Structures are given as structure tokens and as C-alpha cells.
Amino acid sequence: MTSREPKLDPAVLASLAIAFQPVGYYRVTPLAHRSTPLGMGFGRSRFSSPDDGFKVLYLAIDLTTGLAETLIRDRFENRRRRRIGAAEIARWGVTRVSASKPLTVIDLRTTGLLRLGISTDAGRAKAHRQGPRLSRAIHAMSDADGILYGSRLTGAVCCVVYDRAVALLAAEPVTELLQDASLTAVLDGLAVELVMSA
């Protein structure tokens, strides 16, 4: 661990552990990976391992949040014309994921970061500088299956699941996002126009 590693109080961390069973949570994933809907790789994201020590899988309570967190993000900031082409959407799929039993997760949705003495940037900032180090500390100091947190983009519930708990998850077949009946309504809710030819 580096000197910048968060110093977490084990008692506070334990008090934030709750039982949580996601049912029908959304995962937006590239269609290229449709044969492995629970597949994971190393990357740089909010709660990924900063040193490739573990893998994570992200789930969102609704499609709006899943889409916002993967495709939309900050791309339309300060832009009046908010359009996304069907050709881009066509490269993505969506699945729904459920846990076979409750997971043990660290709940950071409300006062968790404050109680741990961690900057709220770890869970809510655009930049992902502090979240990975926090995630590594949680992974090392506890047996938690993951982290429950609020999307910085929609405020809705998201869950990151550590690779050690993915065996408890089951995913429906990945379907084409472009064919999802709710896609237009979801994009409308995000004030984004779907352009069929782009």
C-alpha cells in the first residue's frame, strides 16, 4: 500500500456492510461481448483496482442509469445539440442481472464516505483518482462482495461487484440495445435525440 492509501476504521467499515440482493439490475455492455454477459476485464473506472489486483462488474437499477454511465456520461456538457447516432448504439447490448442470494456490500449511498473520513470525490467526482484506492482498501480489509453507491449522473442506485462474488450472479441473454422498446423514452429522459442515420 502506498502512503496515499485510505486509512479506514475497521469498525466503521463493518458498520457500513449491508445485505443487498440485486434483481433485474441492468448492465449495458458492448455487443462484441454478448456471449459473456458477466465477463470482466481490467480497466480504469470508478472502483476498479488501481493495480489490476481484482476485477469489477457494474450494475445499475434502471436502463437510464446504465446508459448514462456507459454511453452518455459527460459528452454533451455545454452542448445544445444532443444527438447520438443509431450506428453507435448498434454496437451495444443490454442484459439484466440478478443475484442468487443477498450480497454483502459496503453502502456508500448516503453518509458512508463521510463516516469513513474519505473525500466524497471517491464516489462522486468526474475523475476516478480516489475511488480505485478506496475500492482496493475495502477489498483488502473486508470480505465484501462489492460496493453500493449512487450514480453521480442520475443519483440512482448502482452496484459494483467484485470478481470474487460474480459466481453469485446470473445474467439474462444480452439483447441489442437498439432494439430495446424503452430506448427512445430513456434517451428522451436524458434530453438526447436518437438519430437513425449518422
Protein backbone atom coordinates (compact mmCIF):
# COMPACT_ATOMS: atom_id res chain seq x y z
CA MET A 1 0.00 0.00 0.00
CA THR A 2 1.14 3.50 -0.75
CA SER A 3 1.18 6.41 1.64
CA ARG A 4 -1.87 7.75 -0.19
CA GLU A 5 -3.89 4.62 0.59
CA PRO A 6 -7.06 5.43 2.57
CA LYS A 7 -6.83 4.59 6.25
CA LEU A 8 -10.20 3.06 7.05
CA ASP A 9 -11.57 2.40 10.51
CA PRO A 10 -12.44 -1.32 10.52
CA ALA A 11 -15.39 -0.79 12.86
CA VAL A 12 -16.89 1.93 10.68
CA LEU A 13 -16.31 -0.17 7.57
CA ALA A 14 -18.06 -3.13 9.19
CA SER A 15 -20.99 -0.93 10.17
CA LEU A 16 -21.50 0.03 6.52
CA ALA A 17 -21.83 -3.58 5.37
CA ILE A 18 -25.40 -4.47 4.42
CA ALA A 19 -27.15 -7.37 2.72
CA PHE A 20 -28.24 -6.42 -0.78
CA GLN A 21 -29.73 -8.65 -3.47
CA PRO A 22 -29.90 -7.07 -6.92
CA VAL A 23 -32.76 -8.43 -9.01
CA GLY A 24 -33.10 -7.42 -12.63
CA TYR A 25 -30.35 -4.81 -12.49
CA TYR A 26 -29.10 -3.52 -15.82
CA ARG A 27 -25.74 -3.95 -17.44
CA VAL A 28 -25.02 -2.12 -20.69
CA THR A 29 -22.21 -3.91 -22.49
CA PRO A 30 -20.58 -3.95 -25.93
CA LEU A 31 -22.33 -6.43 -28.22
CA ALA A 32 -18.90 -7.85 -29.03
CA HIS A 33 -19.03 -9.44 -25.55
CA ARG A 34 -22.61 -10.70 -25.74
CA SER A 35 -21.50 -14.32 -25.24
CA THR A 36 -20.04 -13.44 -21.82
CA PRO A 37 -22.61 -11.13 -20.18
CA LEU A 38 -20.80 -11.35 -16.83
CA GLY A 39 -17.34 -11.05 -18.33
CA MET A 40 -14.87 -8.64 -16.79
CA GLY A 41 -11.51 -7.18 -17.64
CA PHE A 42 -9.03 -4.83 -16.04
CA GLY A 43 -9.70 -1.19 -16.69
CA ARG A 44 -9.79 2.28 -15.24
CA SER A 45 -13.15 3.11 -13.74
CA ARG A 46 -14.64 4.49 -10.55
CA PHE A 47 -13.99 1.48 -8.32
CA SER A 48 -11.62 -0.64 -10.41
CA SER A 49 -8.39 -1.95 -8.96
CA PRO A 50 -5.61 0.62 -9.39
CA ASP A 51 -3.05 -2.18 -9.76
CA ASP A 52 -5.10 -4.88 -11.54
CA GLY A 53 -5.46 -6.85 -8.32
CA PHE A 54 -9.13 -7.65 -8.91
CA LYS A 55 -11.85 -7.12 -11.48
CA VAL A 56 -15.22 -5.43 -11.05
CA LEU A 57 -18.63 -5.52 -12.70
CA TYR A 58 -21.04 -2.56 -12.66
CA LEU A 59 -24.83 -2.80 -12.39
CA ALA A 60 -27.49 -0.08 -12.45
CA ILE A 61 -31.02 -0.12 -11.07
CA ASP A 62 -32.51 1.13 -14.35
CA LEU A 63 -31.65 1.42 -18.02
CA THR A 64 -31.49 5.22 -17.81
CA THR A 65 -28.62 4.99 -15.35
CA GLY A 66 -26.92 2.14 -17.18
CA LEU A 67 -26.98 4.16 -20.39
CA ALA A 68 -25.89 7.39 -18.69
CA GLU A 69 -22.94 5.67 -17.04
CA THR A 70 -21.67 3.94 -20.20
CA LEU A 71 -22.61 5.84 -23.36
CA ILE A 72 -23.68 9.34 -22.36
CA ARG A 73 -21.50 10.35 -19.42
CA ASP A 74 -20.22 13.92 -19.95
CA ARG A 75 -20.18 14.03 -23.72
CA PHE A 76 -22.96 16.61 -24.03
CA GLU A 77 -21.82 19.11 -21.42
CA ASN A 78 -22.32 22.69 -22.60
CA ARG A 79 -23.84 21.48 -25.84
CA ARG A 80 -27.30 22.43 -27.05
CA ARG A 81 -27.29 19.81 -29.80
CA ARG A 82 -27.52 16.50 -28.01
CA ARG A 83 -27.65 13.71 -30.55
CA ILE A 84 -26.42 10.13 -30.69
CA GLY A 85 -26.32 8.03 -33.82
CA ALA A 86 -28.02 4.68 -34.18
CA ALA A 87 -24.76 3.30 -35.60
CA GLU A 88 -23.08 3.88 -32.24
CA ILE A 89 -25.99 2.45 -30.24
CA ALA A 90 -25.96 -0.61 -32.52
CA ARG A 91 -22.59 -1.63 -31.08
CA TRP A 92 -24.08 -2.03 -27.61
CA GLY A 93 -26.27 -4.55 -25.85
CA VAL A 94 -28.09 -4.80 -22.57
CA THR A 95 -28.69 -7.58 -20.07
CA ARG A 96 -30.41 -7.84 -16.71
CA VAL A 97 -28.54 -9.37 -13.82
CA SER A 98 -29.78 -10.90 -10.58
CA ALA A 99 -28.05 -12.38 -7.53
CA SER A 100 -28.98 -15.86 -6.30
CA LYS A 101 -28.73 -14.66 -2.70
CA PRO A 102 -28.03 -11.40 -0.90
CA LEU A 103 -24.58 -9.94 -1.40
CA THR A 104 -22.65 -8.21 1.36
CA VAL A 105 -21.91 -4.71 0.11
CA ILE A 106 -20.44 -1.56 1.60
CA ASP A 107 -23.15 1.08 1.43
CA LEU A 108 -21.76 4.43 0.27
CA ARG A 109 -25.07 5.93 -0.89
CA THR A 110 -25.54 8.41 1.94
CA THR A 111 -23.11 9.13 4.78
CA GLY A 112 -20.70 6.24 4.19
CA LEU A 113 -17.86 8.29 2.74
CA LEU A 114 -18.27 10.94 5.42
CA ARG A 115 -18.19 8.33 8.19
CA LEU A 116 -15.07 6.74 6.72
CA GLY A 117 -13.36 10.13 6.54
CA ILE A 118 -12.98 9.80 2.76
CA SER A 119 -13.43 12.65 0.29
CA THR A 120 -16.77 12.44 -1.49
CA ASP A 121 -14.74 12.68 -4.70
CA ALA A 122 -14.11 8.96 -4.32
CA GLY A 123 -17.72 8.21 -5.15
CA ARG A 124 -18.96 11.31 -6.90
CA ALA A 125 -16.23 13.14 -8.80
CA LYS A 126 -15.78 13.02 -12.57
CA ALA A 127 -12.18 11.97 -12.20
CA HIS A 128 -11.55 8.46 -10.93
CA ARG A 129 -8.44 9.18 -8.89
CA GLN A 130 -9.64 8.35 -5.37
CA GLY A 131 -12.29 5.69 -5.93
CA PRO A 132 -9.92 2.93 -7.05
CA ARG A 133 -7.72 3.34 -3.96
CA LEU A 134 -10.78 3.26 -1.73
CA SER A 135 -12.05 0.15 -3.51
CA ARG A 136 -8.68 -1.55 -3.08
CA ALA A 137 -8.73 -0.79 0.65
CA ILE A 138 -12.29 -2.12 1.01
CA HIS A 139 -11.40 -5.25 -0.97
CA ALA A 140 -8.34 -5.90 1.21
CA MET A 141 -9.86 -5.07 4.60
CA SER A 142 -13.17 -6.85 4.27
CA ASP A 143 -14.91 -9.82 2.73
CA ALA A 144 -17.40 -7.51 1.00
CA ASP A 145 -18.82 -8.65 -2.32
CA GLY A 146 -18.93 -5.10 -3.62
CA ILE A 147 -19.99 -1.50 -3.11
CA LEU A 148 -23.40 0.15 -3.29
CA TYR A 149 -23.35 3.77 -4.40
CA GLY A 150 -25.32 6.49 -6.14
CA SER A 151 -24.66 7.38 -9.76
CA ARG A 152 -23.15 10.86 -9.99
CA LEU A 153 -25.07 11.30 -13.25
CA THR A 154 -28.61 10.26 -12.26
CA GLY A 155 -28.46 9.81 -8.48
CA ALA A 156 -29.93 6.30 -8.88
CA VAL A 157 -28.57 3.17 -7.22
CA CYS A 158 -25.56 1.42 -8.73
CA CYS A 159 -23.67 -1.61 -7.51
CA VAL A 160 -20.12 -2.67 -8.27
CA VAL A 161 -19.49 -6.37 -7.68
CA TYR A 162 -16.01 -7.75 -7.08
CA ASP A 163 -14.89 -10.72 -9.14
CA ARG A 164 -14.85 -12.90 -6.03
CA ALA A 165 -18.65 -12.68 -5.88
CA VAL A 166 -19.60 -12.88 -9.57
CA ALA A 167 -20.41 -16.60 -9.20
CA LEU A 168 -23.48 -15.47 -7.23
CA LEU A 169 -24.83 -13.60 -10.27
CA ALA A 170 -26.86 -14.79 -13.24
CA ALA A 171 -27.46 -12.77 -16.39
CA GLU A 172 -30.21 -12.88 -18.97
CA PRO A 173 -29.10 -13.15 -22.62
CA VAL A 174 -27.67 -9.91 -23.99
CA THR A 175 -30.08 -8.22 -26.39
CA GLU A 176 -29.40 -5.41 -28.84
CA LEU A 177 -29.76 -2.05 -27.15
CA LEU A 178 -31.06 -0.51 -30.36
CA GLN A 179 -33.98 -2.96 -30.28
CA ASP A 180 -34.97 -2.20 -26.68
CA ALA A 181 -38.53 -0.91 -26.66
CA SER A 182 -37.76 1.69 -23.98
CA LEU A 183 -34.64 3.14 -25.65
CA THR A 184 -36.29 6.21 -27.18
CA ALA A 185 -38.07 7.07 -23.93
CA VAL A 186 -34.84 6.61 -21.96
CA LEU A 187 -32.91 8.89 -24.30
CA ASP A 188 -35.75 11.44 -24.22
CA GLY A 189 -35.48 11.42 -20.44
CA LEU A 190 -31.81 12.31 -20.81
CA ALA A 191 -32.62 15.00 -23.40
CA VAL A 192 -30.74 13.10 -26.09
CA GLU A 193 -32.04 12.63 -29.60
CA LEU A 194 -31.55 9.31 -31.38
CA VAL A 195 -30.51 9.87 -34.99
CA MET A 196 -31.19 6.88 -37.21
CA SER A 197 -28.63 7.87 -39.84
CA ALA A 198 -25.44 9.40 -38.52
